[in-house]
């Protein structure tokens, strides 16, 4: 089953959010509607990038790699590689 990793950015709080979903449009809309307590303060979120993988496992691996970034420079570098 296809699974998409997406990266959102909020200029309001100057923060990134990394997630994955089999229905990324729905997930992104949820973040921008205030229904997620972790992203509510950053509305509006904009999509920086998204990449679809053939399996959930590959998507989760990519998501974990981005999330394990040690600092912002490394995070932004990993986001660029995902594009």
N, C-alpha and C. Protein backbone atom coordinates (compact mmCIF):
# COMPACT_ATOMS: atom_id res chain seq x y z
N UNK A 1 0.84 -1.18 0.00
CA UNK A 1 0.00 0.00 0.00
C UNK A 1 0.89 1.25 0.00
N UNK A 2 0.57 2.20 -0.83
CA UNK A 2 1.33 3.44 -0.92
C UNK A 2 1.16 4.24 0.37
N UNK A 3 2.25 4.92 0.75
CA UNK A 3 2.25 5.72 1.97
C UNK A 3 3.12 6.94 1.70
N UNK A 4 2.68 8.10 2.13
CA UNK A 4 3.37 9.35 1.83
C UNK A 4 3.94 10.00 3.09
N UNK A 5 5.18 10.43 2.97
CA UNK A 5 5.83 11.23 4.01
C UNK A 5 5.66 12.69 3.58
N UNK A 6 5.26 13.54 4.52
CA UNK A 6 5.11 14.95 4.21
C UNK A 6 5.79 15.80 5.26
N UNK A 7 6.27 16.95 4.81
CA UNK A 7 6.90 17.90 5.72
C UNK A 7 6.13 19.21 5.61
N UNK A 8 5.69 19.70 6.76
CA UNK A 8 4.97 20.97 6.82
C UNK A 8 5.85 22.00 7.51
N UNK A 9 5.63 23.26 7.18
CA UNK A 9 6.36 24.34 7.83
C UNK A 9 5.38 25.43 8.22
N UNK A 10 5.58 25.96 9.42
CA UNK A 10 4.76 27.07 9.89
C UNK A 10 5.64 28.30 10.09
N UNK A 11 5.44 29.34 9.28
CA UNK A 11 6.20 30.58 9.49
C UNK A 11 5.81 31.26 10.81
N UNK A 12 4.61 31.02 11.26
CA UNK A 12 4.13 31.64 12.49
C UNK A 12 4.97 31.23 13.70
N UNK A 13 5.30 29.94 13.80
CA UNK A 13 6.11 29.45 14.93
C UNK A 13 7.51 29.02 14.48
N UNK A 14 7.81 29.21 13.19
CA UNK A 14 9.11 28.85 12.61
C UNK A 14 9.50 27.43 12.99
N UNK A 15 8.59 26.50 12.64
CA UNK A 15 8.79 25.10 13.01
C UNK A 15 8.38 24.18 11.87
N UNK A 16 9.03 23.02 11.80
CA UNK A 16 8.67 21.99 10.84
C UNK A 16 7.87 20.91 11.55
N UNK A 17 7.03 20.24 10.77
CA UNK A 17 6.32 19.06 11.26
C UNK A 17 6.49 17.98 10.21
N UNK A 18 6.88 16.79 10.63
CA UNK A 18 7.08 15.67 9.71
C UNK A 18 6.06 14.59 10.07
N UNK A 19 5.34 14.12 9.05
CA UNK A 19 4.36 13.08 9.29
C UNK A 19 4.26 12.15 8.10
N UNK A 20 3.44 11.12 8.24
CA UNK A 20 3.21 10.22 7.11
C UNK A 20 1.78 9.72 7.18
N UNK A 21 1.26 9.37 6.02
CA UNK A 21 -0.14 8.95 5.94
C UNK A 21 -0.41 8.25 4.61
N UNK A 22 -1.42 7.40 4.62
CA UNK A 22 -1.87 6.81 3.35
C UNK A 22 -2.82 7.79 2.64
N UNK A 23 -3.25 8.82 3.36
CA UNK A 23 -4.10 9.86 2.79
C UNK A 23 -3.54 11.23 3.22
N UNK A 24 -2.46 11.67 2.57
CA UNK A 24 -1.78 12.89 3.02
C UNK A 24 -2.64 14.16 2.96
N UNK A 25 -3.51 14.25 1.97
CA UNK A 25 -4.34 15.45 1.88
C UNK A 25 -5.23 15.59 3.12
N UNK A 26 -5.81 14.49 3.53
CA UNK A 26 -6.66 14.49 4.72
C UNK A 26 -5.84 14.84 5.97
N UNK A 27 -4.65 14.26 6.08
CA UNK A 27 -3.79 14.51 7.23
C UNK A 27 -3.36 15.98 7.28
N UNK A 28 -2.99 16.52 6.15
CA UNK A 28 -2.55 17.92 6.10
C UNK A 28 -3.71 18.85 6.43
N UNK A 29 -4.89 18.55 5.91
CA UNK A 29 -6.07 19.35 6.25
C UNK A 29 -6.37 19.30 7.74
N UNK A 30 -6.16 18.14 8.33
CA UNK A 30 -6.38 18.00 9.78
C UNK A 30 -5.44 18.92 10.57
N UNK A 31 -4.19 18.98 10.14
CA UNK A 31 -3.23 19.85 10.82
C UNK A 31 -3.60 21.33 10.65
N UNK A 32 -4.13 21.69 9.51
CA UNK A 32 -4.50 23.08 9.27
C UNK A 32 -5.88 23.46 9.81
N UNK A 33 -6.62 22.48 10.29
CA UNK A 33 -7.95 22.79 10.83
C UNK A 33 -7.94 22.91 12.35
N UNK A 34 -6.79 22.69 12.97
CA UNK A 34 -6.68 22.81 14.42
C UNK A 34 -7.10 21.57 15.18
N UNK A 35 -7.25 20.46 14.49
CA UNK A 35 -7.69 19.21 15.14
C UNK A 35 -6.53 18.39 15.72
N UNK A 36 -5.31 18.88 15.56
CA UNK A 36 -4.15 18.20 16.13
C UNK A 36 -3.49 19.14 17.12
N UNK A 37 -3.42 18.72 18.38
CA UNK A 37 -2.91 19.61 19.43
C UNK A 37 -1.44 19.98 19.23
N UNK A 38 -0.67 19.13 18.54
CA UNK A 38 0.76 19.41 18.35
C UNK A 38 1.01 20.45 17.27
N UNK A 39 0.05 20.66 16.39
CA UNK A 39 0.26 21.61 15.29
C UNK A 39 -0.72 22.78 15.32
N UNK A 40 -1.63 22.77 16.26
CA UNK A 40 -2.67 23.80 16.32
C UNK A 40 -2.09 25.22 16.40
N UNK A 41 -1.03 25.40 17.17
CA UNK A 41 -0.47 26.74 17.36
C UNK A 41 0.24 27.28 16.12
N UNK A 42 0.52 26.44 15.13
CA UNK A 42 1.27 26.87 13.96
C UNK A 42 0.45 27.15 12.72
N UNK A 43 -0.85 27.09 12.82
CA UNK A 43 -1.72 27.29 11.65
C UNK A 43 -1.49 28.70 11.10
N UNK A 44 -1.31 28.87 9.81
CA UNK A 44 -1.40 27.88 8.75
C UNK A 44 -0.05 27.18 8.49
N UNK A 45 -0.14 25.89 8.19
CA UNK A 45 1.01 25.09 7.81
C UNK A 45 1.05 25.02 6.30
N UNK A 46 2.25 25.07 5.74
CA UNK A 46 2.37 24.90 4.28
C UNK A 46 3.21 23.66 4.01
N UNK A 47 2.90 23.00 2.92
CA UNK A 47 3.62 21.79 2.54
C UNK A 47 4.96 22.18 1.94
N UNK A 48 6.03 21.70 2.55
CA UNK A 48 7.38 21.94 2.05
C UNK A 48 7.72 20.88 1.02
N UNK A 49 7.39 19.63 1.33
CA UNK A 49 7.59 18.55 0.38
C UNK A 49 6.79 17.33 0.82
N UNK A 50 6.59 16.45 -0.13
CA UNK A 50 5.98 15.16 0.18
C UNK A 50 6.50 14.14 -0.83
N UNK A 51 6.66 12.93 -0.35
CA UNK A 51 7.16 11.85 -1.21
C UNK A 51 6.40 10.58 -0.88
N UNK A 52 5.97 9.90 -1.93
CA UNK A 52 5.20 8.67 -1.77
C UNK A 52 6.11 7.46 -1.93
N UNK A 53 5.91 6.49 -1.03
CA UNK A 53 6.69 5.26 -1.03
C UNK A 53 5.76 4.08 -1.32
N UNK A 54 6.35 2.99 -1.80
CA UNK A 54 5.56 1.80 -2.14
C UNK A 54 5.02 1.07 -0.93
N UNK A 55 5.71 1.20 0.20
CA UNK A 55 5.27 0.49 1.40
C UNK A 55 5.26 1.42 2.61
N UNK A 56 4.46 1.05 3.60
CA UNK A 56 4.41 1.79 4.86
C UNK A 56 5.78 1.75 5.53
N UNK A 57 6.43 0.61 5.47
CA UNK A 57 7.73 0.44 6.12
C UNK A 57 8.77 1.43 5.57
N UNK A 58 8.82 1.56 4.24
CA UNK A 58 9.78 2.50 3.64
C UNK A 58 9.45 3.93 4.02
N UNK A 59 8.17 4.26 4.07
CA UNK A 59 7.76 5.62 4.45
C UNK A 59 8.12 5.90 5.90
N UNK A 60 7.85 4.95 6.79
CA UNK A 60 8.16 5.14 8.21
C UNK A 60 9.67 5.27 8.43
N UNK A 61 10.44 4.54 7.63
CA UNK A 61 11.89 4.62 7.70
C UNK A 61 12.36 6.03 7.32
N UNK A 62 11.82 6.56 6.23
CA UNK A 62 12.17 7.91 5.79
C UNK A 62 11.72 8.95 6.82
N UNK A 63 10.53 8.78 7.36
CA UNK A 63 10.02 9.70 8.37
C UNK A 63 10.92 9.69 9.61
N UNK A 64 11.30 8.51 10.06
CA UNK A 64 12.17 8.39 11.24
C UNK A 64 13.53 9.02 10.99
N UNK A 65 14.04 8.86 9.79
CA UNK A 65 15.34 9.45 9.45
C UNK A 65 15.29 10.97 9.55
N UNK A 66 14.23 11.56 9.03
CA UNK A 66 14.10 13.01 9.09
C UNK A 66 13.93 13.47 10.54
N UNK A 67 13.10 12.76 11.28
CA UNK A 67 12.83 13.15 12.66
C UNK A 67 14.04 12.98 13.57
N UNK A 68 14.98 12.13 13.19
CA UNK A 68 16.15 11.89 14.04
C UNK A 68 17.25 12.93 13.82
N UNK A 69 16.98 13.93 13.03
CA UNK A 69 17.97 14.98 12.77
C UNK A 69 18.41 15.62 14.08
N UNK A 70 19.70 15.86 14.21
CA UNK A 70 20.24 16.41 15.44
C UNK A 70 19.99 17.89 15.63
N UNK A 71 19.98 18.63 14.54
CA UNK A 71 19.75 20.07 14.64
C UNK A 71 19.01 20.55 13.40
N UNK A 72 18.70 21.82 13.38
CA UNK A 72 17.89 22.36 12.28
C UNK A 72 18.60 22.26 10.93
N UNK A 73 19.89 22.51 10.91
CA UNK A 73 20.64 22.42 9.65
C UNK A 73 20.57 21.02 9.08
N UNK A 74 20.74 20.02 9.93
CA UNK A 74 20.65 18.63 9.49
C UNK A 74 19.23 18.29 9.06
N UNK A 75 18.25 18.78 9.80
CA UNK A 75 16.85 18.57 9.45
C UNK A 75 16.56 19.12 8.06
N UNK A 76 16.96 20.35 7.81
CA UNK A 76 16.71 20.96 6.51
C UNK A 76 17.46 20.24 5.39
N UNK A 77 18.63 19.71 5.68
CA UNK A 77 19.39 18.94 4.70
C UNK A 77 18.64 17.65 4.35
N UNK A 78 18.10 16.98 5.36
CA UNK A 78 17.35 15.74 5.11
C UNK A 78 16.04 16.03 4.35
N UNK A 79 15.44 17.16 4.64
CA UNK A 79 14.23 17.54 3.91
C UNK A 79 14.57 17.74 2.43
N UNK A 80 15.67 18.41 2.15
CA UNK A 80 16.10 18.63 0.77
C UNK A 80 16.33 17.31 0.05
N UNK A 81 16.90 16.33 0.74
CA UNK A 81 17.15 15.01 0.14
C UNK A 81 15.85 14.28 -0.17
N UNK A 82 14.83 14.54 0.63
CA UNK A 82 13.53 13.90 0.41
C UNK A 82 12.87 14.42 -0.87
N UNK A 83 13.11 15.69 -1.17
CA UNK A 83 12.52 16.30 -2.36
C UNK A 83 13.02 15.60 -3.56
